[in-house]
Amino acid sequence: AAVLTLLDWFGIEDPATGIAGEYNNETLQTLYDELSEKGKLSVEEALKAGAFIEEEDIKDLEDLMAETENEDILLVYDNLQRG
Protein backbone atom coordinates (compact mmCIF):
# COMPACT_ATOMS: atom_id res chain seq x y z
CA ALA A 1 0.00 0.00 0.00
CA ALA A 2 2.85 2.39 0.84
CA VAL A 3 4.54 1.75 -2.50
CA LEU A 4 1.28 2.32 -4.36
CA THR A 5 0.89 5.61 -2.51
CA LEU A 6 4.37 6.69 -3.66
CA LEU A 7 3.67 5.59 -7.24
CA ASP A 8 0.46 7.63 -7.28
CA TRP A 9 2.12 10.60 -5.61
CA PHE A 10 4.88 10.73 -8.22
CA GLY A 11 2.66 9.79 -11.17
CA ILE A 12 4.44 6.50 -11.88
CA GLU A 13 2.55 3.64 -13.50
CA ASP A 14 2.16 0.55 -11.31
CA PRO A 15 4.00 -2.33 -13.04
CA ALA A 16 1.54 -4.82 -11.55
CA THR A 17 -1.67 -5.58 -13.41
CA GLY A 18 -3.63 -6.77 -10.41
CA ILE A 19 -3.37 -10.32 -11.73
CA ALA A 20 -0.86 -12.56 -9.97
CA GLY A 21 2.16 -13.19 -12.16
CA GLU A 22 1.31 -10.58 -14.79
CA TYR A 23 3.29 -7.35 -15.13
CA ASN A 24 3.13 -4.31 -17.41
CA ASN A 25 6.93 -4.10 -17.33
CA GLU A 26 8.52 -6.47 -19.86
CA THR A 27 11.71 -6.89 -17.81
CA LEU A 28 9.77 -7.85 -14.69
CA GLN A 29 7.55 -10.20 -16.69
CA THR A 30 10.53 -11.97 -18.22
CA LEU A 31 12.25 -12.36 -14.85
CA TYR A 32 9.04 -13.64 -13.26
CA ASP A 33 8.53 -16.17 -16.06
CA GLU A 34 12.14 -17.41 -15.92
CA LEU A 35 12.19 -17.79 -12.14
CA SER A 36 8.77 -19.46 -12.12
CA GLU A 37 10.00 -22.06 -14.61
CA LYS A 38 13.17 -22.71 -12.61
CA GLY A 39 11.13 -23.03 -9.44
CA LYS A 40 9.05 -25.79 -10.98
CA LEU A 41 12.11 -28.00 -11.48
CA SER A 42 12.55 -28.95 -7.82
CA VAL A 43 12.15 -27.74 -4.28
CA GLU A 44 15.84 -26.80 -4.27
CA GLU A 45 15.46 -24.70 -7.42
CA ALA A 46 12.35 -23.04 -5.98
CA LEU A 47 14.31 -22.12 -2.86
CA LYS A 48 17.16 -20.77 -4.99
CA ALA A 49 14.70 -18.66 -7.00
CA GLY A 50 13.18 -17.29 -3.78
CA ALA A 51 16.62 -16.49 -2.36
CA PHE A 52 17.61 -14.74 -5.60
CA ILE A 53 14.49 -12.58 -5.44
CA GLU A 54 15.19 -11.59 -1.83
CA GLU A 55 18.84 -10.78 -2.57
CA GLU A 56 17.89 -8.68 -5.60
CA ASP A 57 15.19 -6.86 -3.65
CA ILE A 58 17.66 -5.95 -0.90
CA LYS A 59 20.28 -4.82 -3.43
CA ASP A 60 17.70 -2.75 -5.32
CA LEU A 61 16.49 -1.08 -2.11
CA GLU A 62 20.06 -0.25 -1.06
CA ASP A 63 20.79 1.24 -4.47
CA LEU A 64 17.56 3.26 -4.48
CA MET A 65 18.12 4.51 -0.93
CA ALA A 66 21.49 5.90 -2.01
CA GLU A 67 19.80 7.85 -4.82
CA THR A 68 17.28 9.86 -2.79
CA GLU A 69 17.04 12.14 0.19
CA ASN A 70 13.23 12.22 0.17
CA GLU A 71 12.19 11.20 3.69
CA ASP A 72 8.87 9.68 2.57
CA ILE A 73 10.59 7.44 0.05
CA LEU A 74 13.35 6.50 2.49
CA LEU A 75 10.75 5.53 5.12
CA VAL A 76 9.01 3.18 2.70
CA TYR A 77 12.30 1.68 1.50
CA ASP A 78 13.49 1.22 5.10
CA ASN A 79 10.25 -0.55 6.03
CA LEU A 80 10.53 -2.80 3.00
CA GLN A 81 14.11 -3.63 3.83
CA ARG A 82 13.17 -4.63 7.37
CA GLY A 83 10.37 -6.84 6.02
PDB file of N, CA and C in Angstrom:
ATOM      1  N   ALA A   1       0.825  -1.195   0.000  1.00  0.00           N
ATOM      2  CA  ALA A   1       0.000   0.000   0.000  1.00  0.00           C
ATOM      3  C   ALA A   1       0.867   1.256   0.000  1.00  0.00           C
ATOM      4  N   ALA A   2       1.977   1.216   0.766  1.00  0.00           N
ATOM      5  CA  ALA A   2       2.854   2.389   0.837  1.00  0.00           C
ATOM      6  C   ALA A   2       3.522   2.647  -0.504  1.00  0.00           C
ATOM      7  N   VAL A   3       3.908   1.586  -1.184  1.00  0.00           N
ATOM      8  CA  VAL A   3       4.544   1.748  -2.499  1.00  0.00           C
ATOM      9  C   VAL A   3       3.529   2.302  -3.494  1.00  0.00           C
ATOM     10  N   LEU A   4       2.318   1.794  -3.465  1.00  0.00           N
ATOM     11  CA  LEU A   4       1.282   2.318  -4.363  1.00  0.00           C
ATOM     12  C   LEU A   4       1.017   3.801  -4.103  1.00  0.00           C
ATOM     13  N   THR A   5       1.061   4.197  -2.842  1.00  0.00           N
ATOM     14  CA  THR A   5       0.893   5.609  -2.506  1.00  0.00           C
ATOM     15  C   THR A   5       2.000   6.439  -3.141  1.00  0.00           C
ATOM     16  N   LEU A   6       3.248   5.969  -3.040  1.00  0.00           N
ATOM     17  CA  LEU A   6       4.368   6.687  -3.660  1.00  0.00           C
ATOM     18  C   LEU A   6       4.230   6.737  -5.181  1.00  0.00           C
ATOM     19  N   LEU A   7       3.846   5.616  -5.781  1.00  0.00           N
ATOM     20  CA  LEU A   7       3.670   5.592  -7.239  1.00  0.00           C
ATOM     21  C   LEU A   7       2.632   6.622  -7.667  1.00  0.00           C
ATOM     22  N   ASP A   8       1.512   6.655  -6.958  1.00  0.00           N
ATOM     23  CA  ASP A   8       0.458   7.627  -7.276  1.00  0.00           C
ATOM     24  C   ASP A   8       0.953   9.051  -7.069  1.00  0.00           C
ATOM     25  N   TRP A   9       1.635   9.274  -5.967  1.00  0.00           N
ATOM     26  CA  TRP A   9       2.125  10.597  -5.611  1.00  0.00           C
ATOM     27  C   TRP A   9       3.066  11.151  -6.674  1.00  0.00           C
ATOM     28  N   PHE A  10       3.912  10.288  -7.230  1.00  0.00           N
ATOM     29  CA  PHE A  10       4.885  10.728  -8.219  1.00  0.00           C
ATOM     30  C   PHE A  10       4.427  10.478  -9.662  1.00  0.00           C
ATOM     31  N   GLY A  11       3.203  10.002  -9.831  1.00  0.00           N
ATOM     32  CA  GLY A  11       2.662   9.790 -11.173  1.00  0.00           C
ATOM     33  C   GLY A  11       3.363   8.698 -11.951  1.00  0.00           C
ATOM     34  N   ILE A  12       3.749   7.624 -11.254  1.00  0.00           N
ATOM     35  CA  ILE A  12       4.441   6.502 -11.884  1.00  0.00           C
ATOM     36  C   ILE A  12       3.455   5.349 -12.050  1.00  0.00           C
ATOM     37  N   GLU A  13       3.460   4.752 -13.227  1.00  0.00           N
ATOM     38  CA  GLU A  13       2.552   3.638 -13.499  1.00  0.00           C
ATOM     39  C   GLU A  13       2.934   2.419 -12.661  1.00  0.00           C
ATOM     40  N   ASP A  14       1.960   1.780 -12.077  1.00  0.00           N
ATOM     41  CA  ASP A  14       2.160   0.548 -11.314  1.00  0.00           C
ATOM     42  C   ASP A  14       2.492  -0.576 -12.292  1.00  0.00           C
ATOM     43  N   PRO A  15       3.646  -1.253 -12.114  1.00  0.00           N
ATOM     44  CA  PRO A  15       4.002  -2.329 -13.042  1.00  0.00           C
ATOM     45  C   PRO A  15       3.136  -3.574 -12.872  1.00  0.00           C
ATOM     46  N   ALA A  16       2.420  -3.670 -11.771  1.00  0.00           N
ATOM     47  CA  ALA A  16       1.544  -4.818 -11.551  1.00  0.00           C
ATOM     48  C   ALA A  16       0.213  -4.598 -12.268  1.00  0.00           C
ATOM     49  N   THR A  17      -0.391  -5.685 -12.715  1.00  0.00           N
ATOM     50  CA  THR A  17      -1.666  -5.583 -13.414  1.00  0.00           C
ATOM     51  C   THR A  17      -2.851  -5.864 -12.499  1.00  0.00           C
ATOM     52  N   GLY A  18      -2.556  -6.345 -11.298  1.00  0.00           N
ATOM     53  CA  GLY A  18      -3.625  -6.774 -10.407  1.00  0.00           C
ATOM     54  C   GLY A  18      -3.906  -8.261 -10.555  1.00  0.00           C
ATOM     55  N   ILE A  19      -3.244  -8.885 -11.513  1.00  0.00           N
ATOM     56  CA  ILE A  19      -3.368 -10.321 -11.732  1.00  0.00           C
ATOM     57  C   ILE A  19      -2.039 -10.952 -11.348  1.00  0.00           C
ATOM     58  N   ALA A  20      -2.085 -11.920 -10.450  1.00  0.00           N
ATOM     59  CA  ALA A  20      -0.865 -12.564  -9.970  1.00  0.00           C
ATOM     60  C   ALA A  20      -0.033 -13.093 -11.134  1.00  0.00           C
ATOM     61  N   GLY A  21       1.241 -12.702 -11.141  1.00  0.00           N
ATOM     62  CA  GLY A  21       2.163 -13.194 -12.159  1.00  0.00           C
ATOM     63  C   GLY A  21       2.135 -12.448 -13.472  1.00  0.00           C
ATOM     64  N   GLU A  22       1.360 -11.371 -13.560  1.00  0.00           N
ATOM     65  CA  GLU A  22       1.310 -10.578 -14.790  1.00  0.00           C
ATOM     66  C   GLU A  22       1.764  -9.155 -14.493  1.00  0.00           C
ATOM     67  N   TYR A  23       2.708  -8.672 -15.327  1.00  0.00           N
ATOM     68  CA  TYR A  23       3.290  -7.347 -15.132  1.00  0.00           C
ATOM     69  C   TYR A  23       3.239  -6.543 -16.414  1.00  0.00           C
ATOM     70  N   ASN A  24       3.090  -5.224 -16.261  1.00  0.00           N
ATOM     71  CA  ASN A  24       3.129  -4.314 -17.408  1.00  0.00           C
ATOM     72  C   ASN A  24       4.558  -4.097 -17.895  1.00  0.00           C
ATOM     73  N   ASN A  25       5.526  -4.309 -17.017  1.00  0.00           N
ATOM     74  CA  ASN A  25       6.930  -4.097 -17.327  1.00  0.00           C
ATOM     75  C   ASN A  25       7.512  -5.378 -17.931  1.00  0.00           C
ATOM     76  N   GLU A  26       8.030  -5.286 -19.150  1.00  0.00           N
ATOM     77  CA  GLU A  26       8.524  -6.470 -19.855  1.00  0.00           C
ATOM     78  C   GLU A  26       9.690  -7.133 -19.126  1.00  0.00           C
ATOM     79  N   THR A  27      10.573  -6.336 -18.542  1.00  0.00           N
ATOM     80  CA  THR A  27      11.715  -6.892 -17.814  1.00  0.00           C
ATOM     81  C   THR A  27      11.246  -7.697 -16.609  1.00  0.00           C
ATOM     82  N   LEU A  28      10.311  -7.129 -15.837  1.00  0.00           N
ATOM     83  CA  LEU A  28       9.766  -7.853 -14.688  1.00  0.00           C
ATOM     84  C   LEU A  28       9.036  -9.116 -15.115  1.00  0.00           C
ATOM     85  N   GLN A  29       8.298  -9.033 -16.211  1.00  0.00           N
ATOM     86  CA  GLN A  29       7.555 -10.195 -16.686  1.00  0.00           C
ATOM     87  C   GLN A  29       8.500 -11.317 -17.085  1.00  0.00           C
ATOM     88  N   THR A  30       9.560 -10.971 -17.792  1.00  0.00           N
ATOM     89  CA  THR A  30      10.531 -11.973 -18.222  1.00  0.00           C
ATOM     90  C   THR A  30      11.201 -12.627 -17.021  1.00  0.00           C
ATOM     91  N   LEU A  31      11.619 -11.827 -16.053  1.00  0.00           N
ATOM     92  CA  LEU A  31      12.255 -12.359 -14.852  1.00  0.00           C
ATOM     93  C   LEU A  31      11.293 -13.264 -14.096  1.00  0.00           C
ATOM     94  N   TYR A  32      10.050 -12.829 -13.939  1.00  0.00           N
ATOM     95  CA  TYR A  32       9.043 -13.644 -13.262  1.00  0.00           C
ATOM     96  C   TYR A  32       8.868 -14.985 -13.976  1.00  0.00           C
ATOM     97  N   ASP A  33       8.736 -14.933 -15.287  1.00  0.00           N
ATOM     98  CA  ASP A  33       8.528 -16.166 -16.057  1.00  0.00           C
ATOM     99  C   ASP A  33       9.707 -17.115 -15.915  1.00  0.00           C
ATOM    100  N   GLU A  34      10.935 -16.572 -16.020  1.00  0.00           N
ATOM    101  CA  GLU A  34      12.139 -17.407 -15.920  1.00  0.00           C
ATOM    102  C   GLU A  34      12.264 -18.050 -14.535  1.00  0.00           C
ATOM    103  N   LEU A  35      12.067 -17.254 -13.492  1.00  0.00           N
ATOM    104  CA  LEU A  35      12.193 -17.791 -12.141  1.00  0.00           C
ATOM    105  C   LEU A  35      11.073 -18.769 -11.818  1.00  0.00           C
ATOM    106  N   SER A  36       9.887 -18.524 -12.337  1.00  0.00           N
ATOM    107  CA  SER A  36       8.774 -19.459 -12.125  1.00  0.00           C
ATOM    108  C   SER A  36       9.081 -20.817 -12.751  1.00  0.00           C
ATOM    109  N   GLU A  37       9.638 -20.804 -13.945  1.00  0.00           N
ATOM    110  CA  GLU A  37       9.995 -22.059 -14.610  1.00  0.00           C
ATOM    111  C   GLU A  37      11.088 -22.802 -13.842  1.00  0.00           C
ATOM    112  N   LYS A  38      12.111 -22.079 -13.393  1.00  0.00           N
ATOM    113  CA  LYS A  38      13.172 -22.706 -12.610  1.00  0.00           C
ATOM    114  C   LYS A  38      12.624 -23.288 -11.318  1.00  0.00           C
ATOM    115  N   GLY A  39      11.710 -22.580 -10.699  1.00  0.00           N
ATOM    116  CA  GLY A  39      11.134 -23.030  -9.441  1.00  0.00           C
ATOM    117  C   GLY A  39      10.308 -24.287  -9.563  1.00  0.00           C
ATOM    118  N   LYS A  40       9.846 -24.580 -10.755  1.00  0.00           N
ATOM    119  CA  LYS A  40       9.048 -25.789 -10.983  1.00  0.00           C
ATOM    120  C   LYS A  40       9.910 -27.036 -11.105  1.00  0.00           C
ATOM    121  N   LEU A  41      11.221 -26.868 -11.275  1.00  0.00           N
ATOM    122  CA  LEU A  41      12.113 -27.998 -11.479  1.00  0.00           C
ATOM    123  C   LEU A  41      12.278 -28.857 -10.235  1.00  0.00           C
ATOM    124  N   SER A  42      12.370 -28.220  -9.075  1.00  0.00           N
ATOM    125  CA  SER A  42      12.553 -28.953  -7.822  1.00  0.00           C
ATOM    126  C   SER A  42      12.361 -27.997  -6.658  1.00  0.00           C
ATOM    127  N   VAL A  43      12.252 -28.561  -5.471  1.00  0.00           N
ATOM    128  CA  VAL A  43      12.147 -27.737  -4.279  1.00  0.00           C
ATOM    129  C   VAL A  43      13.417 -26.910  -4.121  1.00  0.00           C
ATOM    130  N   GLU A  44      14.571 -27.521  -4.389  1.00  0.00           N
ATOM    131  CA  GLU A  44      15.836 -26.803  -4.265  1.00  0.00           C
ATOM    132  C   GLU A  44      15.891 -25.606  -5.218  1.00  0.00           C
ATOM    133  N   GLU A  45      15.461 -25.798  -6.456  1.00  0.00           N
ATOM    134  CA  GLU A  45      15.458 -24.697  -7.423  1.00  0.00           C
ATOM    135  C   GLU A  45      14.457 -23.613  -7.028  1.00  0.00           C
ATOM    136  N   ALA A  46      13.338 -24.022  -6.456  1.00  0.00           N
ATOM    137  CA  ALA A  46      12.353 -23.041  -5.981  1.00  0.00           C
ATOM    138  C   ALA A  46      12.947 -22.203  -4.854  1.00  0.00           C
ATOM    139  N   LEU A  47      13.668 -22.842  -3.949  1.00  0.00           N
ATOM    140  CA  LEU A  47      14.311 -22.116  -2.858  1.00  0.00           C
ATOM    141  C   LEU A  47      15.393 -21.176  -3.387  1.00  0.00           C
ATOM    142  N   LYS A  48      16.136 -21.625  -4.379  1.00  0.00           N
ATOM    143  CA  LYS A  48      17.158 -20.773  -4.993  1.00  0.00           C
ATOM    144  C   LYS A  48      16.516 -19.554  -5.658  1.00  0.00           C
ATOM    145  N   ALA A  49      15.404 -19.772  -6.340  1.00  0.00           N
ATOM    146  CA  ALA A  49      14.700 -18.659  -6.995  1.00  0.00           C
ATOM    147  C   ALA A  49      14.209 -17.663  -5.948  1.00  0.00           C
ATOM    148  N   GLY A  50      13.658 -18.165  -4.856  1.00  0.00           N
ATOM    149  CA  GLY A  50      13.184 -17.286  -3.784  1.00  0.00           C
ATOM    150  C   GLY A  50      14.322 -16.501  -3.155  1.00  0.00           C
ATOM    151  N   ALA A  51      15.456 -17.162  -2.937  1.00  0.00           N
ATOM    152  CA  ALA A  51      16.621 -16.488  -2.362  1.00  0.00           C
ATOM    153  C   ALA A  51      17.143 -15.414  -3.316  1.00  0.00           C
ATOM    154  N   PHE A  52      17.165 -15.713  -4.602  1.00  0.00           N
ATOM    155  CA  PHE A  52      17.605 -14.741  -5.598  1.00  0.00           C
ATOM    156  C   PHE A  52      16.730 -13.492  -5.559  1.00  0.00           C
ATOM    157  N   ILE A  53      15.428 -13.704  -5.486  1.00  0.00           N
ATOM    158  CA  ILE A  53      14.492 -12.576  -5.444  1.00  0.00           C
ATOM    159  C   ILE A  53      14.756 -11.711  -4.217  1.00  0.00           C
ATOM    160  N   GLU A  54      14.931 -12.343  -3.059  1.00  0.00           N
ATOM    161  CA  GLU A  54      15.191 -11.588  -1.834  1.00  0.00           C
ATOM    162  C   GLU A  54      16.496 -10.809  -1.925  1.00  0.00           C
ATOM    163  N   GLU A  55      17.551 -11.449  -2.434  1.00  0.00           N
ATOM    164  CA  GLU A  55      18.844 -10.777  -2.570  1.00  0.00           C
ATOM    165  C   GLU A  55      18.754  -9.589  -3.523  1.00  0.00           C
ATOM    166  N   GLU A  56      18.056  -9.763  -4.633  1.00  0.00           N
ATOM    167  CA  GLU A  56      17.895  -8.675  -5.600  1.00  0.00           C
ATOM    168  C   GLU A  56      17.064  -7.538  -5.020  1.00  0.00           C
ATOM    169  N   ASP A  57      16.018  -7.890  -4.278  1.00  0.00           N
ATOM    170  CA  ASP A  57      15.188  -6.859  -3.651  1.00  0.00           C
ATOM    171  C   ASP A  57      16.009  -6.014  -2.678  1.00  0.00           C
ATOM    172  N   ILE A  58      16.830  -6.666  -1.869  1.00  0.00           N
ATOM    173  CA  ILE A  58      17.663  -5.950  -0.901  1.00  0.00           C
ATOM    174  C   ILE A  58      18.661  -5.058  -1.625  1.00  0.00           C
ATOM    175  N   LYS A  59      19.313  -5.593  -2.645  1.00  0.00           N
ATOM    176  CA  LYS A  59      20.280  -4.817  -3.427  1.00  0.00           C
ATOM    177  C   LYS A  59      19.592  -3.613  -4.073  1.00  0.00           C
ATOM    178  N   ASP A  60      18.433  -3.843  -4.683  1.00  0.00           N
ATOM    179  CA  ASP A  60      17.697  -2.748  -5.323  1.00  0.00           C
ATOM    180  C   ASP A  60      17.332  -1.663  -4.310  1.00  0.00           C
ATOM    181  N   LEU A  61      16.857  -2.063  -3.132  1.00  0.00           N
ATOM    182  CA  LEU A  61      16.494  -1.084  -2.110  1.00  0.00           C
ATOM    183  C   LEU A  61      17.710  -0.286  -1.654  1.00  0.00           C
ATOM    184  N   GLU A  62      18.835  -0.964  -1.460  1.00  0.00           N
ATOM    185  CA  GLU A  62      20.056  -0.254  -1.056  1.00  0.00           C
ATOM    186  C   GLU A  62      20.473   0.758  -2.123  1.00  0.00           C
ATOM    187  N   ASP A  63      20.424   0.343  -3.375  1.00  0.00           N
ATOM    188  CA  ASP A  63      20.788   1.240  -4.471  1.00  0.00           C
ATOM    189  C   ASP A  63      19.844   2.442  -4.536  1.00  0.00           C
ATOM    190  N   LEU A  64      18.548   2.183  -4.406  1.00  0.00           N
ATOM    191  CA  LEU A  64      17.564   3.256  -4.476  1.00  0.00           C
ATOM    192  C   LEU A  64      17.667   4.207  -3.287  1.00  0.00           C
ATOM    193  N   MET A  65      17.976   3.673  -2.118  1.00  0.00           N
ATOM    194  CA  MET A  65      18.122   4.515  -0.931  1.00  0.00           C
ATOM    195  C   MET A  65      19.294   5.486  -1.089  1.00  0.00           C
ATOM    196  N   ALA A  66      20.318   5.049  -1.793  1.00  0.00           N
ATOM    197  CA  ALA A  66      21.486   5.899  -2.010  1.00  0.00           C
ATOM    198  C   ALA A  66      21.203   7.021  -3.014  1.00  0.00           C
ATOM    199  N   GLU A  67      20.119   6.891  -3.771  1.00  0.00           N
ATOM    200  CA  GLU A  67      19.798   7.851  -4.823  1.00  0.00           C
ATOM    201  C   GLU A  67      18.804   8.932  -4.409  1.00  0.00           C
ATOM    202  N   THR A  68      18.293   8.875  -3.180  1.00  0.00           N
ATOM    203  CA  THR A  68      17.280   9.863  -2.787  1.00  0.00           C
ATOM    204  C   THR A  68      17.531  10.379  -1.384  1.00  0.00           C
ATOM    205  N   GLU A  69      17.041  11.572  -1.149  1.00  0.00           N
ATOM    206  CA  GLU A  69      17.044  12.139   0.192  1.00  0.00           C
ATOM    207  C   GLU A  69      15.614  12.389   0.666  1.00  0.00           C
ATOM    208  N   ASN A  70      14.628  12.009  -0.165  1.00  0.00           N
ATOM    209  CA  ASN A  70      13.226  12.215   0.172  1.00  0.00           C
ATOM    210  C   ASN A  70      12.859  11.314   1.355  1.00  0.00           C
ATOM    211  N   GLU A  71      12.469  11.933   2.455  1.00  0.00           N
ATOM    212  CA  GLU A  71      12.191  11.197   3.690  1.00  0.00           C
ATOM    213  C   GLU A  71      11.018  10.217   3.550  1.00  0.00           C
ATOM    214  N   ASP A  72      10.016  10.578   2.766  1.00  0.00           N
ATOM    215  CA  ASP A  72       8.869   9.679   2.571  1.00  0.00           C
ATOM    216  C   ASP A  72       9.303   8.409   1.847  1.00  0.00           C
ATOM    217  N   ILE A  73      10.107   8.589   0.812  1.00  0.00           N
ATOM    218  CA  ILE A  73      10.590   7.438   0.050  1.00  0.00           C
ATOM    219  C   ILE A  73      11.512   6.590   0.911  1.00  0.00           C
ATOM    220  N   LEU A  74      12.413   7.237   1.636  1.00  0.00           N
ATOM    221  CA  LEU A  74      13.349   6.498   2.486  1.00  0.00           C
ATOM    222  C   LEU A  74      12.615   5.701   3.561  1.00  0.00           C
ATOM    223  N   LEU A  75      11.545   6.253   4.107  1.00  0.00           N
ATOM    224  CA  LEU A  75      10.754   5.534   5.116  1.00  0.00           C
ATOM    225  C   LEU A  75      10.166   4.259   4.534  1.00  0.00           C
ATOM    226  N   VAL A  76       9.603   4.368   3.338  1.00  0.00           N
ATOM    227  CA  VAL A  76       9.010   3.182   2.703  1.00  0.00           C
ATOM    228  C   VAL A  76      10.099   2.159   2.387  1.00  0.00           C
ATOM    229  N   TYR A  77      11.204   2.600   1.817  1.00  0.00           N
ATOM    230  CA  TYR A  77      12.301   1.683   1.504  1.00  0.00           C
ATOM    231  C   TYR A  77      12.842   1.008   2.761  1.00  0.00           C
ATOM    232  N   ASP A  78      12.992   1.777   3.847  1.00  0.00           N
ATOM    233  CA  ASP A  78      13.487   1.216   5.099  1.00  0.00           C
ATOM    234  C   ASP A  78      12.534   0.156   5.630  1.00  0.00           C
ATOM    235  N   ASN A  79      11.243   0.427   5.586  1.00  0.00           N
ATOM    236  CA  ASN A  79      10.254  -0.549   6.032  1.00  0.00           C
ATOM    237  C   ASN A  79      10.281  -1.807   5.180  1.00  0.00           C
ATOM    238  N   LEU A  80      10.434  -1.637   3.876  1.00  0.00           N
ATOM    239  CA  LEU A  80      10.526  -2.799   3.000  1.00  0.00           C
ATOM    240  C   LEU A  80      11.768  -3.628   3.299  1.00  0.00           C
ATOM    241  N   GLN A  81      12.866  -2.939   3.548  1.00  0.00           N
ATOM    242  CA  GLN A  81      14.115  -3.629   3.832  1.00  0.00           C
ATOM    243  C   GLN A  81      14.013  -4.436   5.134  1.00  0.00           C
ATOM    244  N   ARG A  82      13.317  -3.916   6.114  1.00  0.00           N
ATOM    245  CA  ARG A  82      13.169  -4.631   7.373  1.00  0.00           C
ATOM    246  C   ARG A  82      12.188  -5.784   7.258  1.00  0.00           C
ATOM    247  N   GLY A  83      11.352  -5.766   6.211  1.00  0.00           N
ATOM    248  CA  GLY A  83      10.367  -6.839   6.019  1.00  0.00           C
ATOM    249  C   GLY A  83      11.024  -8.100   5.571  1.00  0.00           C
TER     250      GLY A  83
END
